N, C-alpha and C. Protein backbone atom coordinates (compact mmCIF):
# COMPACT_ATOMS: atom_id res chain seq x y z
N GLN A 1 -70.16 186.94 175.78
CA GLN A 1 -71.13 186.71 174.68
C GLN A 1 -71.80 185.81 175.06
N VAL A 2 -73.23 185.83 175.13
CA VAL A 2 -74.09 184.73 175.69
C VAL A 2 -73.83 183.95 174.31
N GLN A 3 -74.03 182.60 175.13
CA GLN A 3 -74.28 181.48 174.30
C GLN A 3 -75.84 180.61 174.91
N VAL A 4 -76.54 179.92 173.31
CA VAL A 4 -77.34 179.05 174.05
C VAL A 4 -77.17 178.17 173.25
N VAL A 5 -77.12 176.74 173.29
CA VAL A 5 -76.58 175.76 173.23
C VAL A 5 -78.21 174.53 173.26
N GLU A 6 -78.44 174.39 172.02
CA GLU A 6 -79.44 173.09 172.50
C GLU A 6 -78.52 171.31 172.04
N SER A 7 -79.53 170.94 172.50
CA SER A 7 -79.46 169.11 172.28
C SER A 7 -80.63 168.20 172.67
N GLY A 8 -80.79 166.97 171.97
CA GLY A 8 -81.22 166.37 171.83
C GLY A 8 -82.35 165.64 171.16
N GLY A 9 -82.08 166.69 170.34
CA GLY A 9 -83.23 166.44 168.77
C GLY A 9 -83.35 165.37 168.33
N GLY A 10 -83.54 164.89 167.28
CA GLY A 10 -83.51 163.58 166.43
C GLY A 10 -84.92 162.75 166.32
N LEU A 11 -85.05 161.67 165.20
CA LEU A 11 -86.17 161.25 164.74
C LEU A 11 -86.61 160.24 165.70
N VAL A 12 -88.04 160.33 166.00
CA VAL A 12 -88.62 159.11 166.65
C VAL A 12 -90.02 159.01 166.11
N GLN A 13 -90.55 158.08 166.35
CA GLN A 13 -91.56 156.99 165.84
C GLN A 13 -92.60 157.81 166.41
N PRO A 14 -94.26 158.11 166.56
CA PRO A 14 -95.13 158.23 167.15
C PRO A 14 -95.56 157.60 167.86
N GLY A 15 -95.74 158.31 169.23
CA GLY A 15 -95.99 157.39 170.76
C GLY A 15 -94.50 157.68 171.17
N GLY A 16 -93.58 157.99 170.75
CA GLY A 16 -91.76 157.72 171.45
C GLY A 16 -91.81 159.20 172.07
N SER A 17 -91.00 159.10 172.93
CA SER A 17 -90.35 160.52 174.11
C SER A 17 -88.70 160.84 173.17
N LEU A 18 -88.78 162.06 173.59
CA LEU A 18 -87.32 163.00 173.46
C LEU A 18 -87.20 163.40 174.50
N ARG A 19 -86.10 164.06 175.04
CA ARG A 19 -85.44 164.73 175.36
C ARG A 19 -84.65 166.33 174.82
N LEU A 20 -85.35 167.46 174.96
CA LEU A 20 -84.42 167.84 174.53
C LEU A 20 -83.86 168.81 175.85
N SER A 21 -82.73 169.64 175.54
CA SER A 21 -81.89 170.46 176.96
C SER A 21 -81.83 171.57 176.32
N CYS A 22 -81.09 172.39 177.06
CA CYS A 22 -80.75 174.17 176.46
C CYS A 22 -79.77 174.10 177.99
N ALA A 23 -78.45 174.76 177.40
CA ALA A 23 -77.52 175.82 178.58
C ALA A 23 -77.02 176.50 178.15
N ALA A 24 -77.59 177.98 178.49
CA ALA A 24 -77.65 179.04 178.48
C ALA A 24 -75.71 179.08 179.36
N SER A 25 -74.94 180.57 179.00
CA SER A 25 -73.40 180.90 179.14
C SER A 25 -73.16 182.06 178.45
N GLY A 26 -72.49 182.70 179.39
CA GLY A 26 -72.15 184.22 179.11
C GLY A 26 -72.39 185.74 179.51
N SER A 27 -73.15 185.14 181.12
CA SER A 27 -73.56 186.53 181.05
C SER A 27 -73.84 186.29 183.10
N ASN A 28 -73.83 187.29 183.40
CA ASN A 28 -73.93 187.69 184.97
C ASN A 28 -75.16 187.34 185.19
N PHE A 29 -76.04 188.37 184.51
CA PHE A 29 -77.39 188.30 185.03
C PHE A 29 -78.84 187.10 184.97
N ASN A 30 -79.65 187.05 186.00
CA ASN A 30 -80.29 186.19 186.04
C ASN A 30 -81.31 186.01 184.85
N ILE A 31 -81.88 184.58 184.65
CA ILE A 31 -82.39 184.62 183.76
C ILE A 31 -84.26 184.81 183.95
N ILE A 32 -84.72 185.31 183.49
CA ILE A 32 -86.05 185.44 183.78
C ILE A 32 -86.80 183.96 183.62
N THR A 33 -87.02 184.52 182.06
CA THR A 33 -87.60 183.00 181.37
C THR A 33 -86.86 182.08 180.57
N MET A 34 -86.87 180.88 180.57
CA MET A 34 -86.80 180.43 179.64
C MET A 34 -87.62 179.45 178.76
N GLY A 35 -87.57 179.17 177.57
CA GLY A 35 -88.62 178.85 177.06
C GLY A 35 -88.07 177.73 175.67
N TRP A 36 -88.84 177.21 175.19
CA TRP A 36 -89.15 176.23 174.04
C TRP A 36 -90.13 177.06 172.78
N HIS A 37 -89.69 177.06 171.88
CA HIS A 37 -90.56 177.52 170.57
C HIS A 37 -90.44 176.89 169.36
N ARG A 38 -90.92 176.24 168.66
CA ARG A 38 -90.35 175.35 167.45
C ARG A 38 -91.40 176.04 166.09
N GLN A 39 -90.85 175.58 164.84
CA GLN A 39 -91.00 175.94 163.75
C GLN A 39 -91.09 174.89 162.33
N ALA A 40 -92.76 174.55 162.22
CA ALA A 40 -92.67 173.63 161.46
C ALA A 40 -92.61 174.19 159.96
N PRO A 41 -92.47 173.37 158.88
CA PRO A 41 -92.18 173.88 157.67
C PRO A 41 -93.58 174.59 156.63
N GLY A 42 -93.25 176.05 156.53
CA GLY A 42 -94.29 176.84 156.39
C GLY A 42 -95.22 177.27 157.02
N LYS A 43 -94.98 177.32 158.50
CA LYS A 43 -95.41 178.00 159.49
C LYS A 43 -94.67 178.99 160.57
N GLN A 44 -95.61 179.93 160.89
CA GLN A 44 -94.81 180.31 161.91
C GLN A 44 -93.96 180.18 163.22
N ARG A 45 -93.19 180.39 163.60
CA ARG A 45 -92.68 179.88 164.78
C ARG A 45 -93.95 179.99 165.57
N GLU A 46 -93.68 179.17 167.00
CA GLU A 46 -95.33 179.26 168.12
C GLU A 46 -94.09 178.75 169.48
N LEU A 47 -94.62 179.61 170.31
CA LEU A 47 -94.35 178.94 172.05
C LEU A 47 -94.89 177.45 171.77
N VAL A 48 -94.04 176.68 172.49
CA VAL A 48 -94.64 175.38 173.21
C VAL A 48 -94.65 175.23 174.54
N ALA A 49 -93.54 175.63 175.29
CA ALA A 49 -93.46 176.04 176.78
C ALA A 49 -92.09 176.95 177.17
N ALA A 50 -92.69 177.47 178.27
CA ALA A 50 -91.81 178.30 179.22
C ALA A 50 -92.13 178.59 180.75
N ILE A 51 -90.90 178.75 181.44
CA ILE A 51 -91.04 178.68 182.72
C ILE A 51 -90.04 179.63 183.10
N THR A 52 -90.62 180.44 184.59
CA THR A 52 -89.91 181.50 184.92
C THR A 52 -89.06 180.84 186.13
N GLY A 53 -88.19 182.08 186.28
CA GLY A 53 -87.28 181.50 187.54
C GLY A 53 -88.07 181.42 188.70
N GLY A 54 -89.82 181.67 189.32
CA GLY A 54 -90.32 180.65 189.94
C GLY A 54 -90.76 180.05 190.29
N GLY A 55 -90.56 179.04 188.35
CA GLY A 55 -91.14 177.77 188.11
C GLY A 55 -92.12 177.83 187.91
N THR A 56 -92.75 178.74 187.48
CA THR A 56 -94.33 178.65 186.61
C THR A 56 -94.22 178.63 185.19
N THR A 57 -95.12 177.53 185.08
CA THR A 57 -94.44 177.26 183.92
C THR A 57 -96.61 177.54 182.32
N ASN A 58 -96.10 177.27 181.34
CA ASN A 58 -97.16 178.16 180.42
C ASN A 58 -96.99 176.79 179.50
N TYR A 59 -97.97 176.33 178.85
CA TYR A 59 -97.69 175.42 177.81
C TYR A 59 -98.60 176.15 176.79
N ALA A 60 -98.16 175.52 175.30
CA ALA A 60 -99.31 175.61 174.41
C ALA A 60 -100.54 174.72 174.49
N ASP A 61 -101.75 174.70 173.92
CA ASP A 61 -102.85 173.74 174.40
C ASP A 61 -102.13 172.35 173.85
N SER A 62 -101.82 171.85 172.68
CA SER A 62 -100.81 171.14 171.59
C SER A 62 -100.61 170.03 172.18
N VAL A 63 -99.39 170.84 173.49
CA VAL A 63 -98.33 170.12 174.06
C VAL A 63 -99.14 169.59 175.80
N LYS A 64 -99.99 170.43 175.77
CA LYS A 64 -100.60 169.87 177.64
C LYS A 64 -100.66 168.51 178.08
N GLY A 65 -100.19 167.89 178.79
CA GLY A 65 -100.02 166.63 179.14
C GLY A 65 -99.31 165.67 178.75
N ARG A 66 -98.63 166.36 177.72
CA ARG A 66 -97.75 165.41 177.00
C ARG A 66 -96.40 166.12 177.25
N PHE A 67 -96.15 167.31 177.01
CA PHE A 67 -94.63 167.80 177.14
C PHE A 67 -94.38 168.53 178.92
N THR A 68 -93.37 168.17 179.14
CA THR A 68 -93.08 168.27 180.64
C THR A 68 -91.91 169.81 180.40
N ILE A 69 -92.10 170.67 181.05
CA ILE A 69 -90.70 171.77 181.00
C ILE A 69 -89.77 171.87 182.44
N SER A 70 -88.93 171.74 182.33
CA SER A 70 -88.16 172.13 183.80
C SER A 70 -86.83 172.79 183.77
N ARG A 71 -86.54 173.74 184.30
CA ARG A 71 -85.18 174.08 184.60
C ARG A 71 -84.55 174.28 185.88
N ASP A 72 -83.45 174.18 185.82
CA ASP A 72 -82.44 174.15 186.88
C ASP A 72 -81.63 175.72 186.82
N ASN A 73 -81.67 176.45 187.74
CA ASN A 73 -81.34 177.83 187.71
C ASN A 73 -80.17 178.09 187.99
N ALA A 74 -79.11 176.89 189.00
CA ALA A 74 -77.59 177.22 189.06
C ALA A 74 -76.94 176.77 188.14
N LYS A 75 -77.24 175.74 186.96
CA LYS A 75 -76.43 175.61 185.65
C LYS A 75 -77.21 176.39 184.53
N ASN A 76 -77.95 177.27 185.04
CA ASN A 76 -78.81 178.01 183.59
C ASN A 76 -78.90 177.23 182.75
N THR A 77 -79.95 175.97 182.95
CA THR A 77 -80.35 175.12 181.53
C THR A 77 -82.32 174.37 181.68
N VAL A 78 -82.22 174.57 180.57
CA VAL A 78 -83.73 174.61 180.37
C VAL A 78 -83.66 172.88 180.04
N HIS A 79 -84.57 171.87 180.51
CA HIS A 79 -85.34 170.76 179.57
C HIS A 79 -86.63 170.63 179.16
N LEU A 80 -86.74 170.00 177.99
CA LEU A 80 -88.26 170.03 177.60
C LEU A 80 -88.49 168.16 177.22
N GLN A 81 -89.14 167.73 178.34
CA GLN A 81 -89.38 166.01 177.78
C GLN A 81 -90.78 166.00 177.22
N MET A 82 -90.26 165.54 176.22
CA MET A 82 -91.67 165.17 175.08
C MET A 82 -91.94 163.81 175.32
N ASN A 83 -93.02 163.43 175.68
CA ASN A 83 -93.71 162.41 175.62
C ASN A 83 -95.00 161.90 174.71
N SER A 84 -95.25 160.94 174.63
CA SER A 84 -96.47 160.95 173.14
C SER A 84 -96.21 161.95 171.98
N LEU A 85 -95.26 161.32 171.59
CA LEU A 85 -95.08 162.53 169.95
C LEU A 85 -95.97 162.10 168.92
N LYS A 86 -96.22 163.32 168.39
CA LYS A 86 -97.18 162.89 167.05
C LYS A 86 -96.76 163.58 166.24
N PRO A 87 -96.87 163.46 164.63
CA PRO A 87 -96.60 163.63 163.98
C PRO A 87 -96.25 165.05 163.22
N GLU A 88 -97.44 165.50 164.04
CA GLU A 88 -97.88 167.02 163.97
C GLU A 88 -96.40 167.65 164.81
N ASP A 89 -95.74 167.06 165.97
CA ASP A 89 -94.57 167.94 166.65
C ASP A 89 -93.55 168.05 165.67
N THR A 90 -93.97 167.64 164.62
CA THR A 90 -92.51 167.68 163.77
C THR A 90 -91.60 169.21 163.59
N ALA A 91 -91.11 169.51 163.73
CA ALA A 91 -90.60 170.82 163.85
C ALA A 91 -88.81 171.34 164.41
N VAL A 92 -88.42 172.35 163.56
CA VAL A 92 -87.35 172.83 164.89
C VAL A 92 -87.14 173.53 165.91
N TYR A 93 -87.23 173.01 167.08
CA TYR A 93 -87.55 173.57 167.90
C TYR A 93 -86.02 174.84 168.85
N TYR A 94 -86.46 175.77 169.22
CA TYR A 94 -85.60 176.68 169.56
C TYR A 94 -85.17 176.93 170.74
N CYS A 95 -84.50 177.21 171.47
CA CYS A 95 -84.74 177.58 173.37
C CYS A 95 -84.66 178.87 173.08
N LEU A 96 -85.21 179.48 173.97
CA LEU A 96 -85.32 181.08 174.26
C LEU A 96 -85.19 181.28 175.55
N ILE A 97 -83.89 183.01 176.22
CA ILE A 97 -83.88 182.86 177.26
C ILE A 97 -83.76 183.72 177.11
N GLN A 98 -84.28 184.69 178.23
CA GLN A 98 -84.70 186.05 178.43
C GLN A 98 -83.60 186.81 180.21
N TYR A 99 -83.13 187.53 179.46
CA TYR A 99 -82.11 187.78 181.07
C TYR A 99 -83.28 188.97 181.37
N ILE A 100 -82.74 189.70 182.88
CA ILE A 100 -83.70 190.15 183.30
C ILE A 100 -82.77 191.75 182.91
N ILE A 101 -81.44 191.58 182.77
CA ILE A 101 -81.12 192.57 181.93
C ILE A 101 -79.67 192.13 180.82
N GLY A 102 -79.76 192.58 179.64
CA GLY A 102 -79.23 192.75 178.85
C GLY A 102 -80.37 191.74 177.30
N GLY A 103 -81.30 191.41 177.64
CA GLY A 103 -82.04 191.10 176.01
C GLY A 103 -82.64 189.91 176.20
N THR A 104 -82.77 189.23 175.33
CA THR A 104 -83.40 187.62 175.05
C THR A 104 -82.81 187.11 173.65
N TYR A 105 -82.55 185.70 173.73
CA TYR A 105 -81.51 185.10 173.23
C TYR A 105 -82.10 184.00 172.84
N TRP A 106 -81.61 183.13 171.44
CA TRP A 106 -82.44 182.37 171.06
C TRP A 106 -81.14 181.23 170.49
N GLY A 107 -81.34 179.87 170.66
CA GLY A 107 -80.55 179.16 170.53
C GLY A 107 -80.60 178.96 168.54
N GLN A 108 -80.12 177.85 167.82
CA GLN A 108 -79.60 177.79 166.99
C GLN A 108 -80.91 176.96 166.42
N GLY A 109 -81.30 175.74 167.17
CA GLY A 109 -82.57 175.33 167.14
C GLY A 109 -81.77 174.08 166.71
N THR A 110 -82.84 172.56 167.36
CA THR A 110 -82.85 171.58 166.81
C THR A 110 -83.68 170.85 166.05
N GLN A 111 -83.47 170.20 165.11
CA GLN A 111 -84.59 169.58 164.35
C GLN A 111 -85.36 167.75 165.55
N VAL A 112 -86.45 168.26 165.44
CA VAL A 112 -87.25 166.94 166.02
C VAL A 112 -88.57 166.22 165.11
N THR A 113 -88.03 165.12 164.35
CA THR A 113 -89.06 164.56 163.75
C THR A 113 -88.93 163.54 163.81
N VAL A 114 -91.27 163.02 163.50
CA VAL A 114 -91.76 162.27 164.16
C VAL A 114 -92.48 161.60 163.10
N SER A 115 -91.45 160.35 162.86
CA SER A 115 -92.37 159.57 161.71
C SER A 115 -92.06 157.96 161.80
N SER A 116 -93.18 157.35 160.99
CA SER A 116 -92.62 156.33 161.27
C SER A 116 -91.81 155.41 159.99
């Protein structure tokens, strides 16, 4: 059974930093894409950043230059380093894992709140 577990959310002041981590387990198949989405109250879930197994990254325009996604293929983990955080970054952040065989899985979400 596939498990996707996130960690690292919390409360931070504007301009601060947080690092989110996500670990996937329970499948022997390769992971194609790992990524982070977020959903703010009253808004649709949106892509924040994604990374392929080869290291190709994709970022939402709103986070380019501030967020960095990275992954460890050997450990099936993905991280999101978030710098220069803004109040509009406040949301529940969800980890997404896409396997080459077996489908796509979401984590349970971790709250990020940017407030003074």
